[in-house]
């Protein structure tokens, strides 16, 4: 439940500026999204008596101001764009501007129950950026492989093949560098080893789970699935029966789990192999069965971290 005694503010973030609104007040203001702007903002919020600030995730542009506010003792609640959009629809707000968005974020933050929400951990900033770079290299590898399917000239194929080898070498080297950087932190290193103990999860998938989900082991299986965008939601209305769908959440994490699900359910994890077979027997399509296996991999990872013990066959309810 919202605490009316806690004054909240909302920040709409862009690359160059921050638009700020304080809940219940009509006067908003704007500061630059740089160190000087963050300092000015912190002072103004402290003077106004703001204790909690909501800020929408914007691909990293919110990090600097979030860290500044946290250091000043202000609780920062990071909202997903879907939350703000849903809040706007609930209140029939169709107009859109940076100032209006800040007002919506402030109002949404005011009614949210922030109890138990994890404060952003600055250690994940560099780890997340490094993993994003690896993912971008992997995307380059996929593009080169697609290009090779349509190149028939021997010389051109040689150029593309050399590019492919370079990118694959870069990917492998950066994965090992990221593992070294992660293992600097004892708690993250332990979490990484626990996730690696699950059959079907290799280093690349374990990195995605640990880096992309700091909440791993501290949330329920349902919450973990929702955060990754792997929780199915139903579309039904009256006599109309719709199919279940997944969506939202952390797209890069979801993609990593989906890519790991096929080999895990085919060769490496007997629990997933049995789950895949059961779902196919019930008439589920290949993609739906793989999504369920990806979700189960996440549940397994969340459980071993929660328990603090490595995977043991049949030790986790599938």
Protein backbone atom coordinates (compact mmCIF):
# COMPACT_ATOMS: atom_id res chain seq x y z
CA UNK A 1 0.00 0.00 0.00
CA UNK A 2 1.15 3.55 -0.70
CA UNK A 3 2.35 5.53 2.32
CA UNK A 4 0.86 9.05 2.07
CA UNK A 5 3.57 10.42 4.35
CA UNK A 6 6.33 9.54 1.86
CA UNK A 7 6.85 12.22 -0.76
CA UNK A 8 7.73 10.78 -4.15
CA UNK A 9 9.11 12.18 -7.38
CA UNK A 10 9.28 10.87 -10.93
CA UNK A 11 12.07 11.31 -13.46
CA UNK A 12 11.67 11.00 -17.21
CA UNK A 13 15.13 10.25 -18.60
CA UNK A 14 16.71 11.04 -21.93
CA UNK A 15 20.30 11.12 -23.10
CA UNK A 16 20.78 14.84 -22.46
CA UNK A 17 18.22 15.88 -19.83
CA UNK A 18 16.03 14.81 -16.94
CA UNK A 19 12.44 15.99 -16.47
CA UNK A 20 11.33 15.86 -12.83
CA UNK A 21 7.89 15.99 -11.24
CA UNK A 22 7.05 15.80 -7.53
CA UNK A 23 3.82 13.95 -6.81
CA UNK A 24 0.97 16.28 -5.89
CA UNK A 25 2.73 19.41 -7.06
CA UNK A 26 2.26 21.27 -10.31
CA UNK A 27 5.74 22.76 -10.60
CA UNK A 28 8.19 20.46 -12.36
CA UNK A 29 11.70 21.24 -13.46
CA UNK A 30 14.44 20.03 -15.81
CA UNK A 31 18.15 19.42 -15.28
CA UNK A 32 20.95 18.21 -17.52
CA UNK A 33 21.68 14.48 -17.44
CA UNK A 34 25.27 14.97 -16.27
CA UNK A 35 27.17 15.22 -12.99
CA UNK A 36 26.28 18.89 -12.46
CA UNK A 37 22.62 18.21 -13.19
CA UNK A 38 22.54 15.22 -10.83
CA UNK A 39 24.01 17.33 -8.03
CA UNK A 40 21.47 20.09 -8.57
CA UNK A 41 18.63 17.56 -8.68
CA UNK A 42 19.73 15.88 -5.45
CA UNK A 43 19.79 19.21 -3.67
CA UNK A 44 16.35 20.23 -4.89
CA UNK A 45 14.78 16.89 -3.99
CA UNK A 46 16.35 16.97 -0.52
CA UNK A 47 15.09 20.52 0.00
CA UNK A 48 11.58 19.44 -1.05
CA UNK A 49 11.65 16.49 1.36
CA UNK A 50 11.44 13.77 -1.30
CA UNK A 51 12.27 10.31 0.08
CA UNK A 52 11.52 8.09 -2.91
CA UNK A 53 12.11 8.57 -6.63
CA UNK A 54 10.77 6.55 -9.53
CA UNK A 55 12.76 6.41 -12.74
CA UNK A 56 11.99 4.54 -15.95
CA UNK A 57 14.59 2.11 -17.30
CA UNK A 58 16.01 3.64 -20.47
CA UNK A 59 18.88 1.41 -21.51
CA UNK A 60 21.48 2.91 -19.17
CA UNK A 61 20.80 6.65 -19.36
CA UNK A 62 19.27 6.46 -15.87
CA UNK A 63 22.31 4.91 -14.17
CA UNK A 64 24.28 8.02 -13.27
CA UNK A 65 21.43 9.90 -11.62
CA UNK A 66 20.26 6.71 -9.87
CA UNK A 67 23.67 6.23 -8.26
CA UNK A 68 23.82 9.90 -7.22
CA UNK A 69 20.40 9.73 -5.57
CA UNK A 70 21.19 6.45 -3.83
CA UNK A 71 24.39 7.92 -2.43
CA UNK A 72 22.30 10.78 -1.00
CA UNK A 73 20.05 8.30 0.81
CA UNK A 74 17.05 8.59 -1.52
CA UNK A 75 15.28 5.34 -2.40
CA UNK A 76 15.31 4.79 -6.16
CA UNK A 77 12.63 2.58 -7.72
CA UNK A 78 13.38 1.54 -11.30
CA UNK A 79 10.19 1.08 -13.32
CA UNK A 80 9.79 -0.89 -16.52
CA UNK A 81 8.24 1.03 -19.44
CA UNK A 82 5.35 -1.47 -19.44
CA UNK A 83 4.45 -0.47 -15.86
CA UNK A 84 4.29 3.23 -16.70
CA UNK A 85 2.32 2.58 -19.89
CA UNK A 86 -0.19 0.41 -18.01
CA UNK A 87 -0.56 3.06 -15.31
CA UNK A 88 -1.24 5.70 -17.97
CA UNK A 89 -3.92 3.53 -19.59
CA UNK A 90 -5.52 2.85 -16.21
CA UNK A 91 -5.92 6.59 -15.68
CA UNK A 92 -6.96 7.26 -19.31
CA UNK A 93 -3.92 9.42 -19.97
CA UNK A 94 -3.27 9.65 -23.71
CA UNK A 95 -1.26 12.87 -23.97
CA UNK A 96 2.49 12.38 -24.00
CA UNK A 97 5.46 14.63 -23.34
CA UNK A 98 8.57 14.41 -21.20
CA UNK A 99 6.91 16.52 -18.49
CA UNK A 100 3.70 14.46 -18.58
CA UNK A 101 5.72 11.24 -18.40
CA UNK A 102 7.53 12.53 -15.30
CA UNK A 103 4.18 13.25 -13.63
CA UNK A 104 2.96 9.73 -14.48
CA UNK A 105 6.14 8.13 -13.14
CA UNK A 106 5.81 10.13 -9.91
CA UNK A 107 2.17 9.05 -9.48
CA UNK A 108 2.98 5.42 -10.32
CA UNK A 109 5.85 5.40 -7.81
CA UNK A 110 3.58 6.89 -5.16
CA UNK A 111 1.08 4.03 -5.32
CA UNK A 112 3.66 1.25 -5.66
CA UNK A 113 4.65 -0.73 -2.61
CA UNK A 114 8.45 -0.42 -2.59
CA UNK A 115 8.86 -2.80 0.35
CA UNK A 116 11.20 -5.63 -0.50
CA UNK A 117 12.28 -4.12 -3.81
CA UNK A 118 16.00 -4.44 -4.45
CA UNK A 119 17.94 -1.21 -4.84
CA UNK A 120 19.98 -1.14 -8.08
CA UNK A 121 23.40 -2.71 -7.50
CA UNK A 122 26.12 -0.64 -9.22
CA UNK A 123 28.33 -3.71 -9.63
CA UNK A 124 26.05 -4.90 -12.42
CA UNK A 125 26.53 -1.78 -14.54
CA UNK A 126 29.90 -2.76 -16.02
CA UNK A 127 29.02 -6.47 -16.06
CA UNK A 128 25.82 -5.77 -17.98
CA UNK A 129 27.58 -3.51 -20.48
CA UNK A 130 30.23 -6.19 -21.06
CA UNK A 131 27.57 -8.87 -21.61
CA UNK A 132 25.72 -6.58 -24.03
CA UNK A 133 28.94 -6.22 -26.04
CA UNK A 134 29.25 -10.03 -26.19
CA UNK A 135 25.64 -10.30 -27.35
CA UNK A 136 26.30 -7.75 -30.07
CA UNK A 137 29.32 -9.75 -31.24
CA UNK A 138 27.08 -12.84 -31.34
CA UNK A 139 24.61 -10.90 -33.48
CA UNK A 140 27.46 -10.03 -35.83
CA UNK A 141 28.37 -13.73 -36.03
CA UNK A 142 24.80 -14.61 -36.96
CA UNK A 143 24.76 -11.96 -39.69
CA UNK A 144 28.04 -13.20 -41.17
CA UNK A 145 26.76 -16.79 -41.20
CA UNK A 146 23.62 -15.65 -43.01
CA UNK A 147 25.73 -13.69 -45.48
CA UNK A 148 27.88 -16.75 -46.18
CA UNK A 149 24.79 -18.70 -47.29
CA UNK A 150 24.46 -16.33 -50.25
CA UNK A 151 28.11 -15.77 -51.20
CA UNK A 152 29.45 -18.03 -53.94
CA UNK A 153 32.58 -16.18 -55.01
CA UNK A 154 35.60 -17.96 -53.49
CA UNK A 155 37.49 -14.77 -52.63
CA UNK A 156 34.48 -13.12 -51.01
CA UNK A 157 33.70 -16.28 -49.07
CA UNK A 158 37.26 -16.21 -47.77
CA UNK A 159 36.84 -12.63 -46.54
CA UNK A 160 33.57 -13.45 -44.77
CA UNK A 161 35.01 -16.64 -43.30
CA UNK A 162 37.98 -14.76 -41.87
CA UNK A 163 35.60 -12.19 -40.36
CA UNK A 164 33.60 -15.02 -38.82
CA UNK A 165 36.67 -16.58 -37.22
CA UNK A 166 37.75 -13.23 -35.79
CA UNK A 167 34.34 -12.57 -34.28
CA UNK A 168 34.09 -16.07 -32.82
CA UNK A 169 37.53 -15.68 -31.29
CA UNK A 170 36.55 -12.27 -29.87
CA UNK A 171 33.32 -13.71 -28.43
CA UNK A 172 35.12 -16.57 -26.67
CA UNK A 173 37.81 -14.27 -25.27
CA UNK A 174 35.29 -11.72 -23.97
CA UNK A 175 33.21 -14.43 -22.29
CA UNK A 176 36.29 -15.52 -20.34
CA UNK A 177 37.13 -11.91 -19.45
CA UNK A 178 33.61 -11.35 -18.18
CA UNK A 179 33.81 -14.49 -16.04
CA UNK A 180 37.04 -13.20 -14.50
CA UNK A 181 35.39 -9.84 -13.79
CA UNK A 182 32.36 -11.53 -12.23
CA UNK A 183 34.48 -13.78 -10.01
CA UNK A 184 36.01 -10.73 -8.35
CA UNK A 185 32.79 -10.66 -6.33
CA UNK A 186 32.55 -13.70 -4.05
CA UNK A 187 28.75 -13.74 -3.86
CA UNK A 188 28.35 -13.51 -7.63
CA UNK A 189 31.01 -16.16 -8.15
CA UNK A 190 29.12 -18.52 -5.83
CA UNK A 191 25.87 -17.76 -7.65
CA UNK A 192 27.59 -18.46 -10.98
CA UNK A 193 28.87 -21.87 -9.81
CA UNK A 194 25.45 -22.85 -8.46
CA UNK A 195 23.80 -22.06 -11.78
CA UNK A 196 26.55 -23.88 -13.69
CA UNK A 197 25.78 -27.05 -11.72
CA UNK A 198 22.49 -27.42 -13.63
CA UNK A 199 22.81 -29.79 -16.62
CA UNK A 200 22.20 -27.89 -19.84
CA UNK A 201 23.44 -24.54 -18.56
CA UNK A 202 26.90 -23.57 -19.76
CA UNK A 203 29.05 -20.54 -19.02
CA UNK A 204 27.30 -18.29 -21.53
CA UNK A 205 23.80 -18.98 -20.18
CA UNK A 206 25.00 -18.81 -16.57
CA UNK A 207 26.44 -15.36 -17.26
CA UNK A 208 23.09 -14.21 -18.65
CA UNK A 209 21.24 -15.49 -15.58
CA UNK A 210 23.59 -13.97 -13.01
CA UNK A 211 24.15 -10.64 -14.77
CA UNK A 212 20.69 -10.07 -16.22
CA UNK A 213 18.81 -11.10 -13.08
CA UNK A 214 20.35 -9.71 -9.88
CA UNK A 215 17.17 -10.85 -8.10
CA UNK A 216 17.98 -14.52 -8.77
CA UNK A 217 17.33 -16.59 -5.66
CA UNK A 218 15.51 -13.75 -3.90
CA UNK A 219 12.18 -13.94 -5.72
CA UNK A 220 9.55 -16.62 -6.24
CA UNK A 221 9.57 -18.79 -9.35
CA UNK A 222 6.54 -16.89 -10.63
CA UNK A 223 8.25 -13.54 -10.13
CA UNK A 224 11.42 -14.80 -11.81
CA UNK A 225 9.41 -15.97 -14.85
CA UNK A 226 7.63 -12.62 -15.04
CA UNK A 227 10.90 -10.67 -14.84
CA UNK A 228 12.30 -12.68 -17.74
CA UNK A 229 9.10 -12.35 -19.76
CA UNK A 230 8.58 -16.12 -19.66
CA UNK A 231 5.35 -16.13 -17.65
CA UNK A 232 2.40 -17.07 -19.88
CA UNK A 233 -0.59 -14.74 -19.87
CA UNK A 234 -4.06 -15.71 -20.98
CA UNK A 235 -6.19 -13.92 -23.57
CA UNK A 236 -9.82 -14.82 -22.91
CA UNK A 237 -12.98 -12.75 -23.07
CA UNK A 238 -16.51 -14.11 -22.82
CA UNK A 239 -16.82 -17.00 -25.24
CA UNK A 240 -13.57 -16.13 -26.97
CA UNK A 241 -10.71 -18.42 -26.06
CA UNK A 242 -7.30 -17.05 -26.94
CA UNK A 243 -3.88 -18.65 -26.85
CA UNK A 244 -1.46 -18.10 -24.00
CA UNK A 245 1.43 -15.79 -24.82
CA UNK A 246 4.67 -14.60 -23.27
CA UNK A 247 6.17 -11.15 -23.58
CA UNK A 248 7.65 -8.13 -21.85
CA UNK A 249 10.36 -8.60 -19.27
CA UNK A 250 14.07 -8.83 -20.02
CA UNK A 251 14.32 -9.71 -23.68
CA UNK A 252 18.04 -10.47 -23.75
CA UNK A 253 17.76 -12.86 -20.80
CA UNK A 254 14.73 -14.55 -22.34
CA UNK A 255 16.61 -15.03 -25.62
CA UNK A 256 19.59 -16.62 -23.84
CA UNK A 257 17.35 -19.05 -21.97
CA UNK A 258 15.42 -19.96 -25.13
CA UNK A 259 18.65 -20.69 -27.03
CA UNK A 260 19.84 -22.90 -24.15
CA UNK A 261 16.53 -24.77 -23.91
CA UNK A 262 16.86 -26.75 -27.16
CA UNK A 263 20.19 -28.52 -26.43
CA UNK A 264 19.25 -28.89 -22.76
CA UNK A 265 15.93 -30.56 -23.62
CA UNK A 266 17.53 -32.67 -26.35
CA UNK A 267 20.71 -33.97 -24.72
CA UNK A 268 21.78 -32.63 -21.35
CA UNK A 269 18.95 -32.37 -18.82
CA UNK A 270 16.79 -35.45 -18.29
CA UNK A 271 14.13 -33.42 -16.43
CA UNK A 272 13.75 -31.12 -19.41
CA UNK A 273 13.85 -33.98 -21.88
CA UNK A 274 10.91 -35.57 -20.04
CA UNK A 275 9.05 -32.24 -19.87
CA UNK A 276 9.52 -31.62 -23.60
CA UNK A 277 8.28 -35.13 -24.43
CA UNK A 278 5.19 -34.73 -22.22
CA UNK A 279 4.28 -31.41 -23.79
CA UNK A 280 4.68 -32.74 -27.34
CA UNK A 281 2.46 -35.71 -26.47
CA UNK A 282 -0.20 -33.25 -25.31
CA UNK A 283 -0.11 -31.61 -28.72
CA UNK A 284 2.01 -28.57 -27.89
CA UNK A 285 4.03 -27.16 -30.77
CA UNK A 286 7.83 -27.21 -30.74
CA UNK A 287 8.14 -23.52 -29.86
CA UNK A 288 5.66 -23.69 -26.96
CA UNK A 289 7.46 -26.72 -25.54
CA UNK A 290 10.82 -24.93 -25.77
CA UNK A 291 9.41 -21.85 -24.03
CA UNK A 292 8.23 -24.08 -21.19
CA UNK A 293 11.71 -25.65 -21.00
CA UNK A 294 13.32 -22.20 -20.94
CA UNK A 295 11.02 -21.22 -18.10
CA UNK A 296 11.91 -24.42 -16.23
CA UNK A 297 15.63 -23.72 -16.64
CA UNK A 298 15.04 -20.35 -14.99
CA UNK A 299 13.08 -22.00 -12.17
CA UNK A 300 15.94 -24.46 -11.62
CA UNK A 301 18.48 -21.61 -11.50
CA UNK A 302 16.36 -19.58 -9.09
CA UNK A 303 15.92 -22.59 -6.83
CA UNK A 304 19.58 -23.64 -6.56
CA UNK A 305 20.60 -20.07 -5.75
CA UNK A 306 17.74 -19.78 -3.25
CA UNK A 307 18.82 -22.99 -1.52
CA UNK A 308 22.52 -22.29 -1.80
CA UNK A 309 23.20 -25.88 -2.88
CA UNK A 310 24.22 -27.26 -6.30
CA UNK A 311 21.86 -29.17 -8.56
CA UNK A 312 21.07 -32.74 -7.68
CA UNK A 313 19.01 -34.94 -9.95
CA UNK A 314 15.34 -35.05 -8.85
CA UNK A 315 16.14 -32.58 -6.04
CA UNK A 316 14.03 -29.88 -7.65
CA UNK A 317 10.36 -30.33 -8.35
CA UNK A 318 9.95 -30.08 -12.13
